[in-house]
Protein backbone atom coordinates (compact mmCIF):
# COMPACT_ATOMS: atom_id res chain seq x y z
CA MET A 1 103.91 83.52 96.29
CA THR A 2 101.89 85.83 94.03
CA PRO A 3 100.73 89.00 95.87
CA VAL A 4 97.01 89.28 96.55
CA PRO A 5 95.38 91.73 94.11
CA ALA A 6 95.11 95.08 95.86
CA LEU A 7 95.73 98.78 95.41
CA ALA A 8 98.86 100.03 97.15
CA LEU A 9 97.78 103.64 96.52
CA GLY A 10 94.80 105.31 94.86
CA PRO A 11 92.67 105.25 92.89
CA MET A 12 93.26 108.95 92.39
CA LEU A 13 90.94 110.89 90.11
CA ARG A 14 93.09 113.20 88.03
CA HIS A 15 92.20 115.10 84.84
CA VAL A 16 88.46 115.23 84.12
CA GLY A 17 86.93 116.74 80.99
CA SER A 18 83.39 116.87 79.67
CA THR A 19 83.49 113.29 78.31
CA THR A 20 86.73 111.83 79.74
CA ALA A 21 88.32 111.09 83.09
CA THR A 22 91.76 109.80 84.07
CA LEU A 23 92.41 107.63 87.12
CA TRP A 24 95.87 106.86 88.53
CA MET A 25 96.74 104.02 90.91
CA GLU A 26 99.60 101.92 92.23
CA THR A 27 98.89 98.19 92.38
CA SER A 28 100.26 95.32 94.45
CA ARG A 29 101.23 93.35 91.36
CA PRO A 30 101.23 93.64 87.56
CA GLY A 31 97.91 93.02 85.88
CA THR A 32 94.88 94.49 84.16
CA VAL A 33 92.92 97.25 85.85
CA GLU A 34 89.27 97.82 85.03
CA ILE A 35 87.06 100.72 86.03
CA LEU A 36 83.46 99.58 86.48
CA GLY A 37 80.89 102.34 86.34
CA ARG A 38 77.26 102.79 87.33
CA SER A 39 74.96 105.57 86.18
CA GLY A 40 73.08 105.72 89.49
CA ASP A 41 70.28 103.36 88.44
CA ALA A 42 70.32 100.46 90.92
CA ALA A 43 68.76 98.19 88.32
CA GLU A 44 71.55 98.80 85.82
CA PRO A 45 74.47 96.37 86.07
CA SER A 46 78.03 97.65 86.39
CA SER A 47 79.89 97.92 83.11
CA THR A 48 83.50 98.40 82.12
CA ILE A 49 84.12 102.04 81.24
CA GLY A 50 87.93 101.99 81.27
CA THR A 51 90.79 99.52 81.30
CA ALA A 52 94.59 99.60 81.35
CA THR A 53 97.56 97.28 81.78
CA THR A 54 100.04 98.18 84.52
CA PHE A 55 103.60 99.32 83.89
CA THR A 56 106.56 98.72 86.21
CA VAL A 57 109.16 101.09 87.67
CA CYS A 58 111.81 99.65 90.02
CA GLY A 59 109.50 96.80 90.93
CA GLN A 60 106.52 99.09 91.65
CA HIS A 61 103.40 98.70 89.49
CA TYR A 62 101.16 101.50 88.20
CA ALA A 63 98.15 102.03 86.00
CA LEU A 64 96.73 105.13 84.38
CA VAL A 65 93.21 104.46 83.14
CA VAL A 66 91.56 106.84 80.67
CA VAL A 67 87.76 106.63 80.72
CA ARG A 68 86.05 107.92 77.58
CA ASP A 69 82.59 108.55 76.12
CA LEU A 70 81.05 109.86 79.34
CA GLU A 71 78.08 112.22 79.31
CA PRO A 72 78.91 115.91 79.86
CA GLY A 73 77.73 117.17 83.24
CA SER A 74 77.06 113.63 84.48
CA SER A 75 77.81 111.89 87.77
CA ARG A 76 78.40 108.16 88.16
CA THR A 77 79.92 105.97 90.84
CA TYR A 78 82.70 103.53 90.01
CA GLU A 79 84.56 100.48 91.28
CA VAL A 80 88.07 99.21 90.49
CA THR A 81 89.10 95.61 89.78
CA LEU A 82 92.59 94.15 89.36
CA ASP A 83 92.58 90.97 87.28
CA GLY A 84 88.90 90.59 88.04
CA THR A 85 89.20 91.05 91.81
CA ARG A 86 87.37 94.04 93.30
CA VAL A 87 89.94 96.27 95.02
CA TRP A 88 87.98 99.52 95.45
CA PRO A 89 86.11 101.08 97.23
CA LEU A 90 87.36 100.30 100.72
CA SER A 91 84.96 98.68 103.14
CA GLY A 92 82.92 101.23 105.08
CA PHE A 93 83.50 104.10 102.64
CA PRO A 94 80.99 105.62 100.20
CA ASP A 95 81.34 104.88 96.51
CA SER A 96 83.79 107.05 94.62
CA ARG A 97 82.38 108.93 91.68
CA ILE A 98 83.31 110.68 88.47
CA ARG A 99 81.59 114.00 87.73
CA THR A 100 82.28 115.30 84.24
CA ARG A 101 82.46 118.96 83.30
CA SER A 102 79.37 120.66 81.93
CA THR A 103 79.50 122.23 78.49
CA THR A 104 76.45 124.49 78.78
CA GLY A 105 78.00 127.39 80.67
CA ASP A 106 74.60 128.04 82.24
CA PRO A 107 75.07 130.74 84.95
CA THR A 108 72.29 129.14 87.00
CA GLU A 109 74.34 125.96 87.49
CA ARG A 110 75.63 125.07 90.93
CA VAL A 111 78.60 126.67 92.64
CA GLN A 112 81.96 125.20 91.66
CA ARG A 113 84.51 124.62 94.42
CA ILE A 114 88.25 124.47 93.88
CA ILE A 115 90.25 123.77 97.03
CA PHE A 116 93.97 124.49 97.17
CA GLY A 117 96.95 124.43 99.49
CA SER A 118 100.55 123.27 99.79
CA CYS A 119 103.21 121.99 102.18
CA ARG A 120 101.69 118.82 103.63
CA TYR A 121 104.04 117.05 106.03
CA PRO A 122 103.14 113.36 106.43
CA PRO A 123 102.04 111.46 109.55
CA THR A 124 105.09 110.80 111.72
CA GLY A 125 104.01 108.14 114.21
CA ASP A 126 105.70 110.20 116.94
CA PRO A 127 103.28 111.73 119.51
CA GLU A 128 105.45 114.78 120.21
CA MET A 129 105.97 115.51 116.51
CA GLU A 130 102.27 114.99 115.81
CA ALA A 131 101.37 117.55 118.46
CA SER A 132 103.94 119.97 117.05
CA TYR A 133 102.80 119.69 113.43
CA GLY A 134 99.11 119.72 114.28
CA VAL A 135 96.14 118.29 112.40
CA ASP A 136 96.38 117.87 108.64
CA ALA A 137 93.88 120.35 107.16
CA LEU A 138 93.27 118.19 104.08
CA ASP A 139 92.53 115.20 106.31
CA ALA A 140 90.10 117.34 108.33
CA TYR A 141 88.44 118.43 105.08
CA ALA A 142 88.12 114.81 103.94
CA ALA A 143 86.65 113.74 107.28
CA ARG A 144 84.05 116.52 107.15
CA ALA A 145 83.08 115.63 103.56
CA LEU A 146 82.72 111.97 104.55
CA ASN A 147 80.54 112.78 107.55
CA ARG A 148 78.25 114.97 105.45
CA LEU A 149 77.90 112.31 102.78
CA ARG A 150 77.27 109.50 105.25
CA GLY A 151 74.59 111.50 107.03
CA ALA A 152 72.88 112.81 103.90
CA GLU A 153 69.30 111.85 103.06
CA ASP A 154 70.08 112.58 99.40
CA PRO A 155 73.58 111.24 98.56
CA GLU A 156 73.48 112.71 95.04
CA ALA A 157 72.81 116.20 96.39
CA ALA A 158 75.52 115.76 99.02
CA ALA A 159 78.01 114.56 96.39
CA ALA A 160 77.36 117.77 94.44
CA GLU A 161 78.95 119.66 97.36
CA LEU A 162 82.27 117.83 96.92
CA PRO A 163 85.18 119.79 95.37
CA ASP A 164 85.25 120.16 91.60
CA SER A 165 89.04 120.19 91.77
CA ILE A 166 91.82 119.91 94.34
CA CYS A 167 94.99 121.89 93.55
CA LEU A 168 98.03 120.65 95.47
CA LEU A 169 100.61 123.38 95.02
CA GLY A 170 103.86 121.72 95.96
CA ASP A 171 105.72 119.90 98.73
CA GLN A 172 103.61 116.77 98.48
CA VAL A 173 106.59 114.89 99.88
CA TYR A 174 109.57 116.05 101.92
CA ALA A 175 112.54 114.32 100.35
CA ASP A 176 115.02 116.26 102.49
CA ASP A 177 113.16 116.13 105.82
CA THR A 178 111.95 112.61 106.48
CA THR A 179 110.03 111.26 109.47
CA PRO A 180 111.73 109.06 112.12
CA ARG A 181 109.96 105.92 110.91
CA THR A 182 110.99 106.62 107.32
CA GLN A 183 114.58 107.08 108.46
CA GLN A 184 114.41 103.64 110.06
CA TRP A 185 112.96 102.23 106.84
CA ILE A 186 115.80 103.84 104.87
CA ARG A 187 118.38 102.15 107.10
CA GLU A 188 116.77 98.81 106.36
CA HIS A 189 116.41 99.57 102.66
CA ARG A 190 120.04 100.54 102.21
CA GLY A 191 121.26 97.69 104.39
CA ARG A 192 124.03 99.67 106.04
CA THR A 193 124.50 102.42 108.60
CA ASP A 194 127.77 103.92 107.33
CA ASP A 195 125.97 105.69 104.52
CA ASP A 196 128.15 107.97 102.44
CA GLY A 197 125.19 109.48 100.60
CA PRO A 198 122.85 112.21 101.82
CA GLY A 199 122.16 110.44 105.15
CA VAL A 200 118.96 108.75 106.28
CA GLU A 201 117.29 112.13 106.74
CA GLU A 202 117.13 112.45 102.94
CA ILE A 203 115.85 110.34 100.07
CA LEU A 204 118.33 108.86 97.59
CA ASP A 205 116.67 106.58 95.01
CA TYR A 206 113.34 105.74 93.35
CA PRO A 207 112.17 103.05 95.84
CA GLU A 208 112.74 105.52 98.67
CA TYR A 209 110.64 108.11 96.85
CA ALA A 210 107.93 105.47 96.36
CA HIS A 211 107.98 104.90 100.11
CA LEU A 212 107.53 108.66 100.70
CA TYR A 213 104.44 108.81 98.49
CA SER A 214 102.99 105.79 100.26
CA GLU A 215 103.54 107.48 103.61
CA THR A 216 101.86 110.66 102.36
CA TRP A 217 98.86 109.24 100.50
CA SER A 218 97.90 106.08 102.43
CA ASP A 219 95.46 107.64 104.90
CA PRO A 220 92.02 106.08 104.10
CA GLU A 221 90.07 109.36 104.31
CA ILE A 222 92.60 111.09 102.06
CA ARG A 223 92.48 108.20 99.58
CA TRP A 224 88.69 108.44 99.41
CA LEU A 225 88.69 112.21 98.89
CA LEU A 226 91.32 112.04 96.14
CA SER A 227 89.37 109.23 94.46
CA THR A 228 86.27 111.37 93.98
CA ALA A 229 87.55 114.92 93.32
CA PRO A 230 89.91 115.66 90.38
CA VAL A 231 93.43 116.41 91.62
CA ALA A 232 95.89 118.80 89.94
CA MET A 233 99.48 118.89 91.21
CA ILE A 234 102.78 120.70 90.75
CA PHE A 235 106.10 120.31 92.56
CA ASP A 236 107.98 122.72 94.80
CA ASP A 237 111.46 122.52 96.28
CA HIS A 238 110.97 119.90 99.02
CA ASP A 239 109.66 117.42 96.44
CA ILE A 240 113.34 117.38 95.39
CA ARG A 241 115.35 119.36 97.99
CA ASP A 242 115.15 122.64 99.90
CA ASP A 243 116.14 125.64 97.72
CA TRP A 244 115.96 123.48 94.57
CA ASN A 245 117.21 125.62 91.66
CA THR A 246 117.42 128.79 93.73
CA SER A 247 120.47 129.92 91.78
CA GLN A 248 123.28 128.68 89.59
CA ALA A 249 125.55 128.79 92.65
CA TRP A 250 123.20 126.36 94.40
CA ARG A 251 123.23 124.02 91.40
CA ASP A 252 127.02 124.15 91.18
CA GLU A 253 127.34 123.25 94.86
CA MET A 254 124.89 120.35 94.57
CA ALA A 255 126.66 119.02 91.48
CA LYS A 256 129.75 118.46 93.66
CA GLN A 257 127.85 115.95 95.82
CA GLU A 258 128.42 112.42 94.53
CA TRP A 259 124.90 111.32 95.45
CA TRP A 260 123.05 114.28 93.88
CA HIS A 261 123.01 112.91 90.33
CA GLN A 262 121.08 109.83 91.50
CA ARG A 263 118.83 111.85 93.79
CA VAL A 264 117.58 114.46 91.31
CA ARG A 265 116.91 111.85 88.63
CA ALA A 266 114.99 109.67 91.07
CA GLY A 267 113.03 112.70 92.25
CA LEU A 268 111.98 113.81 88.78
CA ALA A 269 111.27 110.25 87.61
CA SER A 270 109.00 109.65 90.61
CA TYR A 271 107.32 113.03 90.08
CA TRP A 272 106.55 112.03 86.49
CA VAL A 273 104.89 108.82 87.69
CA TYR A 274 103.11 109.95 90.86
CA GLN A 275 102.15 113.51 89.97
CA HIS A 276 102.77 114.64 86.40
CA LEU A 277 101.10 111.84 84.40
CA GLY A 278 97.67 112.49 85.85
CA ASN A 279 97.92 116.22 85.14
CA LEU A 280 97.75 115.55 81.40
CA ASP A 281 94.51 115.38 79.43
CA PRO A 282 93.97 112.32 77.18
CA ASP A 283 95.05 114.13 74.01
CA SER A 284 98.30 115.27 75.63
CA LEU A 285 98.93 111.74 76.86
CA ALA A 286 98.41 110.36 73.37
CA ASP A 287 100.97 112.86 72.02
CA ASP A 288 103.53 112.15 74.75
CA ALA A 289 106.32 110.02 73.26
CA LEU A 290 107.68 108.99 76.66
CA TYR A 291 104.27 107.84 77.88
CA ARG A 292 103.76 105.75 74.73
CA LYS A 293 107.13 104.04 75.29
CA VAL A 294 106.28 103.36 78.92
CA ILE A 295 102.92 101.70 78.31
CA GLU A 296 104.22 99.72 75.34
CA SER A 297 107.19 98.30 77.25
CA GLN A 298 107.08 94.83 78.79
CA ASP A 299 110.11 95.60 80.95
CA ASP A 300 110.88 97.82 83.92
CA VAL A 301 110.88 101.36 82.52
CA PHE A 302 113.01 103.14 85.12
CA GLY A 303 115.80 103.54 82.58
CA LEU A 304 113.48 105.51 80.28
CA LEU A 305 112.30 107.74 83.12
CA GLU A 306 115.81 108.27 84.48
CA GLU A 307 117.00 109.39 81.04
CA HIS A 308 114.07 111.83 80.74
CA ALA A 309 114.70 113.16 84.26
CA GLY A 310 118.36 113.72 83.42
CA ARG A 311 117.40 115.74 80.33
CA ALA A 312 114.91 117.80 82.35
CA ASP A 313 117.51 118.63 85.00
CA ALA A 314 120.17 119.45 82.40
CA ALA A 315 117.71 121.74 80.59
CA VAL A 316 117.50 124.12 83.55
CA GLY A 317 119.11 127.32 82.31
CA ARG A 318 118.24 126.78 78.67
CA PRO A 319 115.72 128.98 76.87
CA GLU A 320 113.62 125.98 75.78
CA GLY A 321 113.78 123.74 78.86
CA VAL A 322 111.28 120.95 79.51
CA ARG A 323 107.65 121.97 80.03
CA TRP A 324 105.96 120.64 83.16
CA SER A 325 103.26 123.35 83.05
CA TYR A 326 99.77 122.39 81.89
CA ARG A 327 96.19 123.61 81.43
CA TRP A 328 92.86 122.49 82.86
CA ASP A 329 89.49 123.92 81.86
CA ILE A 330 87.10 123.50 84.79
CA GLY A 331 83.85 124.57 83.20
CA ARG A 332 84.33 128.28 82.48
CA THR A 333 87.27 128.49 84.89
CA ARG A 334 90.71 128.02 83.35
CA LEU A 335 93.62 126.77 85.44
CA LEU A 336 97.14 127.25 84.10
CA MET A 337 99.46 125.36 86.42
CA VAL A 338 102.93 126.86 86.18
CA ASP A 339 106.23 125.10 86.85
CA SER A 340 108.18 127.68 88.83
CA ARG A 341 111.04 125.33 89.84
CA CYS A 342 112.42 123.15 87.05
CA GLY A 343 111.85 125.56 84.17
CA ARG A 344 114.10 128.30 85.49
CA VAL A 345 116.93 130.04 83.67
CA LEU A 346 119.86 130.71 86.01
CA ASN A 347 122.57 131.99 83.70
CA ASP A 348 124.86 134.79 84.89
CA ASP A 349 123.35 137.25 82.42
CA GLU A 350 119.73 136.12 82.75
CA ARG A 351 117.60 134.94 85.68
CA LEU A 352 114.11 133.81 84.75
CA MET A 353 111.49 132.01 86.81
CA ILE A 354 110.22 130.32 83.64
CA ASN A 355 112.12 129.73 80.42
CA ASP A 356 111.00 131.73 77.40
CA GLU A 357 109.39 128.86 75.51
CA THR A 358 107.18 127.85 78.45
CA PHE A 359 106.27 131.45 79.24
CA SER A 360 105.20 131.95 75.63
CA TRP A 361 103.04 128.83 75.96
CA ILE A 362 101.42 130.26 79.13
CA GLU A 363 100.70 133.54 77.35
CA ALA A 364 99.09 131.68 74.45
CA GLN A 365 96.91 129.59 76.79
CA ALA A 366 95.78 132.67 78.70
CA ALA A 367 94.69 134.31 75.44
CA ASP A 368 92.99 131.24 73.94
CA ASP A 369 89.18 131.33 73.55
CA PRO A 370 88.68 134.13 76.12
CA GLU A 371 84.91 134.32 75.53
CA HIS A 372 84.54 131.00 77.36
CA VAL A 373 86.61 131.96 80.43
CA ASP A 374 84.92 133.62 83.41
CA HIS A 375 87.82 133.11 85.82
CA LEU A 376 91.52 132.66 85.05
CA LEU A 377 93.68 130.89 87.64
CA LEU A 378 97.46 130.77 87.52
CA GLY A 379 98.76 128.07 89.83
CA SER A 380 102.34 128.69 91.00
CA SER A 381 103.82 126.88 93.98
CA ILE A 382 105.51 130.10 95.08
CA PRO A 383 103.68 133.46 95.34
CA TRP A 384 103.85 136.19 92.74
CA LEU A 385 102.80 138.97 95.13
CA MET A 386 104.58 138.72 98.48
CA PRO A 387 104.23 141.16 101.36
CA PRO A 388 105.49 144.33 99.59
CA ALA A 389 108.45 144.90 101.92
CA VAL A 390 109.54 141.27 101.54
CA SER A 391 109.15 141.60 97.78
CA GLN A 392 111.47 144.61 97.77
CA VAL A 393 114.10 142.76 99.81
CA GLN A 394 114.08 139.87 97.33
CA SER A 395 114.59 142.16 94.33
CA MET A 396 117.40 144.00 96.15
CA ASN A 397 119.06 140.69 96.97
CA GLU A 398 118.88 139.61 93.33
CA ARG A 399 120.67 142.82 92.32
CA SER A 400 123.41 142.31 94.88
CA ALA A 401 123.98 138.66 94.00
CA ALA A 402 124.17 139.56 90.29
CA ARG A 403 127.01 141.94 91.13
CA GLY A 404 128.97 139.03 92.60
CA SER A 405 128.23 139.52 96.28
CA ARG A 406 128.91 136.21 98.08
CA SER A 407 127.09 137.41 101.15
CA ALA A 408 124.00 138.16 99.04
CA GLU A 409 124.09 134.62 97.66
CA TRP A 410 124.43 133.23 101.17
CA VAL A 411 121.45 135.31 102.36
CA ARG A 412 119.43 134.26 99.31
CA GLN A 413 119.77 130.59 100.21
CA ALA A 414 119.59 130.98 103.98
CA ALA A 415 116.47 133.17 103.92
CA ASP A 416 114.74 131.50 100.94
CA LEU A 417 114.75 134.66 98.82
CA GLU A 418 113.65 132.77 95.72
CA HIS A 419 110.10 133.84 94.93
CA TRP A 420 108.86 135.76 91.91
CA PRO A 421 110.31 139.14 93.07
CA ALA A 422 113.75 137.46 93.19
CA PHE A 423 113.34 136.83 89.44
CA ARG A 424 112.37 140.40 88.66
CA ALA A 425 112.29 140.06 84.87
CA SER A 426 109.75 137.23 85.19
CA PHE A 427 107.80 139.09 87.89
CA ASP A 428 107.36 142.00 85.47
CA ARG A 429 106.49 139.75 82.53
CA LEU A 430 103.80 138.00 84.54
CA ALA A 431 102.44 141.40 85.59
CA ARG A 432 102.25 142.47 81.95
CA LEU A 433 100.49 139.24 80.98
CA ILE A 434 97.91 139.65 83.73
CA GLU A 435 97.38 143.35 82.99
CA ARG A 436 96.97 142.66 79.27
CA THR A 437 94.45 139.88 79.92
CA ALA A 438 92.57 141.89 82.56
CA ALA A 439 92.23 144.91 80.25
CA SER A 440 91.07 143.04 77.14
CA SER A 441 87.54 143.39 75.78
CA SER A 442 86.79 139.77 76.71
CA ALA A 443 88.49 139.88 80.12
CA PRO A 444 87.51 137.30 82.74
CA ALA A 445 85.76 138.49 85.88
CA THR A 446 88.74 137.55 88.04
CA ILE A 447 92.37 136.62 87.55
CA SER A 448 93.94 134.92 90.57
CA VAL A 449 97.41 133.54 91.23
CA LEU A 450 97.07 130.52 93.54
CA SER A 451 100.19 129.75 95.58
CA GLY A 452 101.59 128.13 98.70
CA ASP A 453 105.14 127.62 100.05
CA VAL A 454 105.35 130.44 102.61
CA HIS A 455 103.60 128.69 105.54
CA HIS A 456 100.87 131.26 106.00
CA CYS A 457 97.72 132.36 104.18
CA TYR A 458 96.68 135.70 102.73
CA ALA A 459 94.71 137.34 99.95
CA ALA A 460 96.08 140.41 98.16
CA ALA A 461 94.27 142.64 95.63
CA ALA A 462 96.34 144.07 92.76
CA GLU A 463 95.89 147.26 90.77
CA PHE A 464 97.64 148.45 87.62
CA PRO A 465 98.37 152.00 86.43
CA ASN A 466 95.61 151.73 83.82
CA PRO A 467 92.05 150.52 84.51
CA THR A 468 91.28 146.83 84.02
CA ARG A 469 88.02 144.93 83.60
CA SER A 470 89.15 141.98 85.74
CA ARG A 471 89.70 141.93 89.48
CA VAL A 472 93.22 140.60 90.14
CA TYR A 473 94.35 138.70 93.24
CA GLN A 474 97.15 136.75 94.83
CA LEU A 475 95.60 133.93 96.90
CA THR A 476 98.08 132.02 99.05
CA CYS A 477 97.32 129.01 101.26
CA SER A 478 100.08 127.23 103.15
CA PRO A 479 100.72 125.01 105.02
CA VAL A 480 98.24 122.18 104.83
CA ARG A 481 100.34 120.63 107.58
CA ASN A 482 103.60 122.16 108.72
CA GLY A 483 104.78 125.10 110.76
CA VAL A 484 106.61 128.40 110.71
CA PRO A 485 109.14 129.73 113.25
CA TRP A 486 107.38 132.09 115.66
CA PHE A 487 109.46 135.11 114.67
CA MET A 488 108.48 134.76 111.01
CA GLU A 489 104.89 135.59 111.92
CA TYR A 490 106.10 139.07 112.91
CA VAL A 491 108.27 139.35 109.78
CA PHE A 492 105.38 138.53 107.45
CA ALA A 493 102.99 140.82 109.31
CA ALA A 494 105.50 143.70 109.23
CA GLY A 495 106.05 143.10 105.51
CA TRP A 496 102.55 144.43 104.78
CA THR A 497 102.94 147.69 106.70
CA ARG A 498 103.14 150.86 104.63
CA THR A 499 105.94 152.32 106.76
CA MET A 500 108.21 149.33 106.20
CA THR A 501 107.32 149.14 102.51
CA ARG A 502 108.01 152.84 101.85
CA ALA A 503 111.36 152.68 103.64
CA LEU A 504 112.56 149.62 101.76
CA ARG A 505 111.37 150.96 98.41
CA ARG A 506 113.43 154.12 98.96
CA ILE A 507 116.46 151.97 99.68
CA GLY A 508 115.66 149.78 96.71
CA ARG A 509 115.63 152.70 94.31
CA ARG A 510 119.16 153.61 95.43
CA TRP A 511 120.04 149.93 94.96
CA GLY A 512 118.88 150.14 91.35
CA VAL A 513 115.59 148.27 91.77
CA PRO A 514 112.96 149.80 89.45
CA PRO A 515 109.38 150.45 90.59
CA GLU A 516 107.03 147.47 90.33
CA PRO A 517 104.54 147.62 87.42
CA VAL A 518 101.70 146.75 89.83
CA GLU A 519 100.52 147.86 93.27
CA TRP A 520 98.93 145.50 95.78
CA GLU A 521 97.67 145.32 99.33
CA ALA A 522 96.36 142.64 101.65
CA VAL A 523 92.59 142.20 101.79
CA GLY A 524 92.79 139.18 104.07
CA GLY A 525 95.50 137.86 106.38
CA PRO A 526 98.15 137.02 107.11
CA TYR A 527 96.65 133.92 108.77
CA PHE A 528 98.77 131.25 110.44
CA GLY A 529 98.19 127.56 111.17
CA ASN A 530 97.37 124.48 109.11
CA ALA A 531 94.81 125.57 106.54
CA ILE A 532 92.92 124.79 103.36
CA ALA A 533 91.40 127.36 101.00
CA THR A 534 88.32 127.04 98.80
CA LEU A 535 87.70 129.17 95.73
CA GLU A 536 83.95 129.24 95.07
CA VAL A 537 82.76 130.42 91.66
CA HIS A 538 79.20 130.84 90.40
CA GLY A 539 78.91 132.32 86.96
CA ARG A 540 81.11 135.43 87.03
CA SER A 541 80.94 135.73 90.81
CA ALA A 542 83.71 134.41 93.05
CA ARG A 543 84.83 134.32 96.66
CA VAL A 544 87.59 132.60 98.61
CA ARG A 545 87.19 130.81 101.93
CA PHE A 546 90.08 130.10 104.33
CA GLU A 547 89.66 127.42 107.01
CA ARG A 548 92.07 126.25 109.69
CA SER A 549 92.29 122.83 111.35
CA THR A 550 91.88 122.60 115.12
CA ARG A 551 93.54 120.19 117.52
CA HIS A 552 90.24 118.33 117.70
CA GLY A 553 90.41 117.49 113.99
CA ASP A 554 87.76 119.98 112.86
CA LEU A 555 87.97 122.90 110.44
CA GLU A 556 87.23 126.36 111.79
CA PRO A 557 86.51 129.32 109.49
CA ILE A 558 89.13 132.04 109.26
CA SER A 559 87.52 134.31 106.68
CA VAL A 560 85.34 134.44 103.58
CA LEU A 561 86.39 137.15 101.11
CA PRO A 562 84.33 138.26 98.09
CA LEU A 563 86.44 138.57 94.93
CA THR A 564 83.80 140.21 92.70
């Protein structure tokens, strides 16, 4: 029996430019997807503004639709059909819409909102686990946006308050920490209980990854929000496995596991489909040889994706690597999303967070057309500026492990000492890039590193030895839905104290750790609990808002911090 036309996931609004928009979706069957758009005039009939044929991976069907020739600064609602059958929007939900970027740069235009966060554990179906993990902050945000839109007298004005972008900074899925109902599904999928692979707690192949994404993105309110606000994504470790690419010792140990080869290729192949494709603008898609092969193929393309994933994993440690980083221009705000996991160099004589070729690309993008950039954002799943004492510990640990200390390597993996300070050469290079950009004659008003991973929120202000024109910040928001052991709250809080920082820096100097090329201090936080952050920019002004979900499903304000 032929499946009824339907969307299994999505539609998800991804890259949006001034005249183009990209929509991603997973469908119930192969077919032709059409995006039908309306300009807002009730008398104007719907018209096709984008179409695509699905492609197939391991029996799953996907479409990436590029919509072109839109008006800059416009807003229009849309519908989705699959082989002529209307499959979106869902009954009872407002129309989804596409809002293109303005090209005027008029400082009197409305406030732009960019929400960000990371570490979103999925619904579990278990009451005790649900109470432990708490309310999903992104779900609470979506519910609030829906309520405001449904109750608005002027839907167009209310829609203007929706986010201009959503930045999901890693751990979209937990491939190494599955829910009880997913573990039961895995047992059924594998058809045996005497599994000699990673166990049912962990994902093994592409269909199991597809199940994870379905579990994470199926909530109706979440689907609606992601259908109407452009979504940028990057992976972190749990998208593949905890401590992914922490060190060469970690990679060597994983390579001994018979199941790892299949796992890492399935993880990167599914990331390419579910997350990476939509990050690319239409021109980059057109230039992508793998994407052209995928959409031109009439067969299942998993073999193509598995081969690409294998090359990407093998390239870790090489100076050139594979670039997963990308750029979005959101009006006069530039987002450079940085791969700080799969582009690492882990050789004995060189540890880099980002391989040289990709870092050079980031430097070039930061310097490109600076007169049209009011705010520069660097998205990195893991923070650049940690609590200063914690930062010092990570750099000390890197020194010890480089000298061959097995205990230092054990501590590195056990305590997750894998952030930018644990790759000190890259920490310093990023500092130099930011300082150079902030001191230039055409410097943006603010430069902010947006991060997650560490299961708490904070804002830190940075200063360099020489004056800069830009204000520089580390803005960290995590988790959207997860937790942190109670004792870590005290560790993170103590990490910001001057007494602890001074003591560890003195020890670090004896250890051979050089002084950092930047000073920083907390201007907000640390805050704990499930949270979402909103960066609000208006012309060259900016502020960041942190909100926390309550057990009643609402969002409560934590703080609003001016950045300019």
